[in-house]
Amino acid sequence: MQQPSASERRQSVRTGVVWDGVRTLLETDPTLREQQARIVDVGGGTGGFAVPLAELGHRVQVIDPSPDALASLDRRARERGVADRVTGQQGDLSDLADLVDEADLVLCHGVLEMVEDPAASLAAIGGVLRPGGHLSLVVAQRHAAVVARAMAGHFQAARELLDGGPAAGRGGRRFTHDEVDDLLRGAGLDPTTVHGVRVFADLAPGSLLDLEPGATAALVELERSVATRPEYRPLAAQLHVLARR
């Protein structure tokens, strides 16, 4: 059996908690469990989530601004034998109403940080979700970003970000849990679950995961153990919030 590559091991650490939340939702929601779900992955790129979801039997529509990413998505879907259940369309959150009729589940992972108006973007997602439909939202969290900047010696940048200062940088804006909660409720979406993502993953040396047998699996289990503990949430690089319309 082929061993996972170093990049695959790191990816399992970064996305394991999010995958757990999405799978649990698909397995426990009666409507999603009993039929082929209509899933929209906004900014889904090359299909890291879309293709495995299609392999579970769901129909996935990926919306992404990059034609290169969509081409890679198409190749991956064909290689995995799910091209009939995965479609890719060029666009972004502002195009959602024109590209989507109705969805049971919308994935918006690492996208809200980059939009000009998060409230309008979440309202657009709410507009394409069926009543009772779900949103899986992953956003970068401000508290952990402040700590990361301070640990890197960027004290002024940490101070500015502390109170919601310059959003920018390559990663875009950062959110607190309360801010995300308010934005979702303002868009008519009811937050149901929140997980802290990458509480320790960004602190662990990459060489440890590459060289120490069993380290990746142990770190994934540790991340799962603290994902729902509110006392560790401020340390999480990202928040994964599930919300229902």
Protein backbone atom coordinates (compact mmCIF):
# COMPACT_ATOMS: atom_id res chain seq x y z
CA MET A 1 0.00 0.00 0.00
CA GLN A 2 1.43 3.38 -1.02
CA GLN A 3 2.23 5.67 1.90
CA PRO A 4 0.80 9.21 1.82
CA SER A 5 3.21 11.94 0.74
CA ALA A 6 4.40 14.67 3.09
CA SER A 7 1.99 17.18 1.52
CA GLU A 8 -0.89 14.73 1.91
CA ARG A 9 -0.03 14.21 5.57
CA ARG A 10 0.02 17.94 6.21
CA GLN A 11 -3.27 18.36 4.36
CA SER A 12 -4.92 15.68 6.52
CA VAL A 13 -3.93 17.68 9.60
CA ARG A 14 -5.21 20.95 8.16
CA THR A 15 -8.58 19.64 6.95
CA GLY A 16 -9.36 16.66 9.17
CA VAL A 17 -11.61 18.55 11.59
CA VAL A 18 -13.50 20.22 8.75
CA TRP A 19 -14.05 16.89 7.03
CA ASP A 20 -15.36 15.42 10.27
CA GLY A 21 -17.95 18.19 10.55
CA VAL A 22 -19.10 17.91 6.94
CA ARG A 23 -19.34 14.10 7.05
CA THR A 24 -21.27 14.17 10.31
CA LEU A 25 -23.74 16.65 8.83
CA LEU A 26 -24.25 14.49 5.74
CA GLU A 27 -24.74 11.39 7.88
CA THR A 28 -27.09 12.87 10.48
CA ASP A 29 -29.34 15.27 8.58
CA PRO A 30 -32.30 13.16 7.39
CA THR A 31 -32.70 14.97 4.06
CA LEU A 32 -29.01 14.83 3.19
CA ARG A 33 -28.70 11.23 4.33
CA GLU A 34 -31.64 9.87 2.37
CA GLN A 35 -31.00 11.42 -1.03
CA GLN A 36 -28.29 12.66 -3.35
CA ALA A 37 -27.47 16.10 -1.98
CA ARG A 38 -27.03 19.14 -4.21
CA ILE A 39 -23.76 20.65 -2.99
CA VAL A 40 -22.18 23.92 -4.11
CA ASP A 41 -18.49 24.47 -3.32
CA VAL A 42 -17.67 28.17 -3.66
CA GLY A 43 -13.96 28.64 -4.31
CA GLY A 44 -13.61 24.86 -4.46
CA GLY A 45 -10.64 25.06 -6.80
CA THR A 46 -9.18 21.73 -7.83
CA GLY A 47 -11.76 19.64 -5.98
CA GLY A 48 -10.17 18.74 -2.67
CA PHE A 49 -13.65 18.53 -1.15
CA ALA A 50 -15.81 18.26 -4.27
CA VAL A 51 -14.37 15.02 -5.64
CA PRO A 52 -14.54 13.04 -2.37
CA LEU A 53 -18.09 14.30 -1.83
CA ALA A 54 -19.01 13.10 -5.31
CA GLU A 55 -17.46 9.74 -4.46
CA LEU A 56 -19.95 9.58 -1.59
CA GLY A 57 -22.73 9.84 -4.16
CA HIS A 58 -23.54 13.54 -4.03
CA ARG A 59 -23.76 15.99 -6.92
CA VAL A 60 -21.28 18.85 -6.56
CA GLN A 61 -21.10 22.16 -8.39
CA VAL A 62 -17.77 23.98 -7.99
CA ILE A 63 -17.66 27.72 -8.56
CA ASP A 64 -14.18 29.20 -8.80
CA PRO A 65 -12.64 32.22 -10.57
CA SER A 66 -9.57 30.30 -11.78
CA PRO A 67 -9.85 28.47 -15.13
CA ASP A 68 -6.65 26.57 -14.33
CA ALA A 69 -8.11 25.28 -11.08
CA LEU A 70 -11.29 24.22 -12.85
CA ALA A 71 -9.26 22.36 -15.46
CA SER A 72 -7.47 20.48 -12.67
CA LEU A 73 -10.84 19.77 -11.08
CA ASP A 74 -12.08 18.23 -14.32
CA ARG A 75 -8.99 16.03 -14.62
CA ARG A 76 -9.26 14.87 -11.01
CA ALA A 77 -12.96 14.08 -11.35
CA ARG A 78 -12.32 12.03 -14.50
CA GLU A 79 -9.44 10.15 -12.91
CA ARG A 80 -11.63 9.25 -9.93
CA GLY A 81 -14.61 8.28 -12.08
CA VAL A 82 -17.03 10.96 -10.83
CA ALA A 83 -17.04 13.39 -13.74
CA ASP A 84 -20.78 12.82 -14.14
CA ARG A 85 -21.39 14.18 -10.62
CA VAL A 86 -18.97 17.13 -10.58
CA THR A 87 -19.36 20.32 -12.60
CA GLY A 88 -17.12 23.39 -12.59
CA GLN A 89 -18.14 26.93 -13.44
CA GLN A 90 -16.06 30.08 -13.50
CA GLY A 91 -17.28 32.72 -11.08
CA ASP A 92 -17.29 33.83 -7.45
CA LEU A 93 -19.69 34.67 -4.64
CA SER A 94 -21.07 37.67 -6.52
CA ASP A 95 -22.22 35.33 -9.32
CA LEU A 96 -23.96 32.86 -7.04
CA ALA A 97 -27.55 33.87 -7.79
CA ASP A 98 -26.94 33.54 -11.54
CA LEU A 99 -25.15 30.18 -11.37
CA VAL A 100 -27.10 28.25 -8.71
CA ASP A 101 -30.77 27.39 -8.65
CA GLU A 102 -31.00 25.81 -5.19
CA ALA A 103 -28.59 23.93 -2.94
CA ASP A 104 -28.88 21.58 0.02
CA LEU A 105 -25.38 22.42 1.21
CA VAL A 106 -22.97 25.23 0.35
CA LEU A 107 -19.27 25.01 1.19
CA CYS A 108 -17.50 28.35 1.62
CA HIS A 109 -14.03 27.50 2.86
CA GLY A 110 -11.37 30.21 3.01
CA VAL A 111 -13.30 32.57 0.76
CA LEU A 112 -15.10 35.06 3.00
CA GLU A 113 -11.74 36.57 4.03
CA MET A 114 -11.21 37.93 0.54
CA VAL A 115 -14.60 39.48 -0.30
CA GLU A 116 -15.34 43.18 0.00
CA ASP A 117 -18.70 42.76 1.74
CA PRO A 118 -18.97 39.58 3.88
CA ALA A 119 -22.54 40.35 4.91
CA ALA A 120 -23.72 40.60 1.29
CA SER A 121 -21.83 37.42 0.41
CA LEU A 122 -23.50 35.44 3.19
CA ALA A 123 -26.86 36.85 2.15
CA ALA A 124 -26.17 35.58 -1.38
CA ILE A 125 -25.45 32.11 0.01
CA GLY A 126 -28.65 32.21 2.05
CA GLY A 127 -30.50 33.12 -1.12
CA VAL A 128 -29.54 29.88 -2.90
CA LEU A 129 -29.97 27.52 0.05
CA ARG A 130 -33.25 25.66 0.25
CA PRO A 131 -35.21 26.14 3.48
CA GLY A 132 -33.47 23.88 5.97
CA GLY A 133 -30.32 23.83 3.85
CA HIS A 134 -26.86 24.12 5.38
CA LEU A 135 -23.72 26.22 5.06
CA SER A 136 -20.22 24.94 5.89
CA LEU A 137 -18.13 28.05 6.51
CA VAL A 138 -14.38 28.13 7.21
CA VAL A 139 -12.81 31.48 8.05
CA ALA A 140 -9.46 32.64 9.39
CA GLN A 141 -9.65 33.65 13.05
CA ARG A 142 -8.25 36.93 14.32
CA HIS A 143 -7.03 35.84 17.77
CA ALA A 144 -4.65 33.22 16.41
CA ALA A 145 -3.42 35.60 13.73
CA VAL A 146 -2.50 38.17 16.38
CA VAL A 147 -0.51 35.54 18.29
CA ALA A 148 1.22 34.33 15.12
CA ARG A 149 2.34 37.85 14.19
CA ALA A 150 3.61 38.55 17.68
CA MET A 151 5.56 35.27 17.79
CA ALA A 152 7.16 36.20 14.46
CA GLY A 153 8.27 39.54 15.91
CA HIS A 154 5.76 41.64 13.94
CA PHE A 155 4.51 43.48 17.01
CA GLN A 156 3.02 46.51 15.27
CA ALA A 157 1.12 44.30 12.83
CA ALA A 158 -0.17 42.24 15.75
CA ARG A 159 -1.31 45.39 17.56
CA GLU A 160 -3.13 46.70 14.48
CA LEU A 161 -4.86 43.40 13.87
CA LEU A 162 -5.85 43.09 17.53
CA ASP A 163 -8.77 45.49 17.17
CA GLY A 164 -9.70 44.54 13.62
CA GLY A 165 -7.18 46.82 11.93
CA PRO A 166 -5.84 46.40 8.40
CA ALA A 167 -7.54 43.36 7.03
CA ALA A 168 -5.26 42.84 4.32
CA GLY A 169 -2.19 40.85 3.72
CA ARG A 170 -2.25 37.84 1.52
CA GLY A 171 -4.73 36.07 3.79
CA GLY A 172 -7.30 38.86 3.76
CA ARG A 173 -9.41 39.81 6.77
CA ARG A 174 -9.70 37.85 10.00
CA PHE A 175 -12.83 37.20 12.06
CA THR A 176 -13.74 36.50 15.65
CA HIS A 177 -16.36 33.92 16.56
CA ASP A 178 -18.78 36.65 17.67
CA GLU A 179 -18.36 38.50 14.36
CA VAL A 180 -19.08 35.36 12.35
CA ASP A 181 -22.10 34.58 14.50
CA ASP A 182 -23.53 38.08 13.95
CA LEU A 183 -22.88 37.96 10.20
CA LEU A 184 -24.61 34.61 9.84
CA ARG A 185 -27.66 35.64 11.83
CA GLY A 186 -27.87 38.87 9.85
CA ALA A 187 -28.05 36.77 6.67
CA GLY A 188 -30.90 34.66 8.05
CA LEU A 189 -28.67 31.69 8.88
CA ASP A 190 -28.68 29.94 12.25
CA PRO A 191 -25.24 28.78 13.48
CA THR A 192 -25.51 25.25 14.83
CA THR A 193 -21.93 24.04 15.40
CA VAL A 194 -18.48 25.61 15.63
CA HIS A 195 -15.12 23.84 15.53
CA GLY A 196 -11.66 25.21 16.12
CA VAL A 197 -9.40 24.20 13.22
CA ARG A 198 -5.60 24.00 13.33
CA VAL A 199 -5.24 24.66 17.04
CA PHE A 200 -1.81 23.01 17.16
CA ALA A 201 -1.15 22.13 13.52
CA ASP A 202 0.56 25.41 12.65
CA LEU A 203 2.75 25.21 15.77
CA ALA A 204 4.07 21.68 15.20
CA PRO A 205 7.37 21.51 13.24
CA GLY A 206 6.85 20.17 9.75
CA SER A 207 9.94 18.02 10.10
CA LEU A 208 8.31 16.20 13.01
CA LEU A 209 5.37 15.15 10.84
CA ASP A 210 7.69 14.10 8.05
CA LEU A 211 10.13 12.06 10.14
CA GLU A 212 8.38 10.80 13.26
CA PRO A 213 6.31 7.64 12.61
CA GLY A 214 2.72 8.09 13.73
CA ALA A 215 3.10 11.82 14.45
CA THR A 216 0.58 12.91 11.82
CA ALA A 217 -2.14 10.53 13.04
CA ALA A 218 -1.51 11.56 16.64
CA LEU A 219 -1.75 15.26 15.75
CA VAL A 220 -4.99 14.70 13.82
CA GLU A 221 -6.48 12.98 16.87
CA LEU A 222 -5.32 15.81 19.12
CA GLU A 223 -6.94 18.36 16.80
CA ARG A 224 -10.18 16.38 16.89
CA SER A 225 -10.05 16.23 20.68
CA VAL A 226 -9.86 20.01 21.12
CA ALA A 227 -11.98 21.11 18.13
CA THR A 228 -15.17 21.53 20.19
CA ARG A 229 -13.58 22.75 23.42
CA PRO A 230 -14.31 26.48 23.73
CA GLU A 231 -11.24 27.15 25.89
CA TYR A 232 -8.98 26.21 22.95
CA ARG A 233 -10.99 28.04 20.30
CA PRO A 234 -9.01 31.32 20.52
CA LEU A 235 -5.86 29.39 19.53
CA ALA A 236 -7.41 28.02 16.34
CA ALA A 237 -6.08 29.42 13.08
CA GLN A 238 -9.53 28.87 11.54
CA LEU A 239 -13.12 28.47 12.62
CA HIS A 240 -15.42 25.94 10.99
CA VAL A 241 -19.03 26.99 11.48
CA LEU A 242 -22.04 25.00 10.33
CA ALA A 243 -25.21 27.03 9.91
CA ARG A 244 -28.74 26.28 8.77
CA ARG A 245 -31.19 28.37 6.83
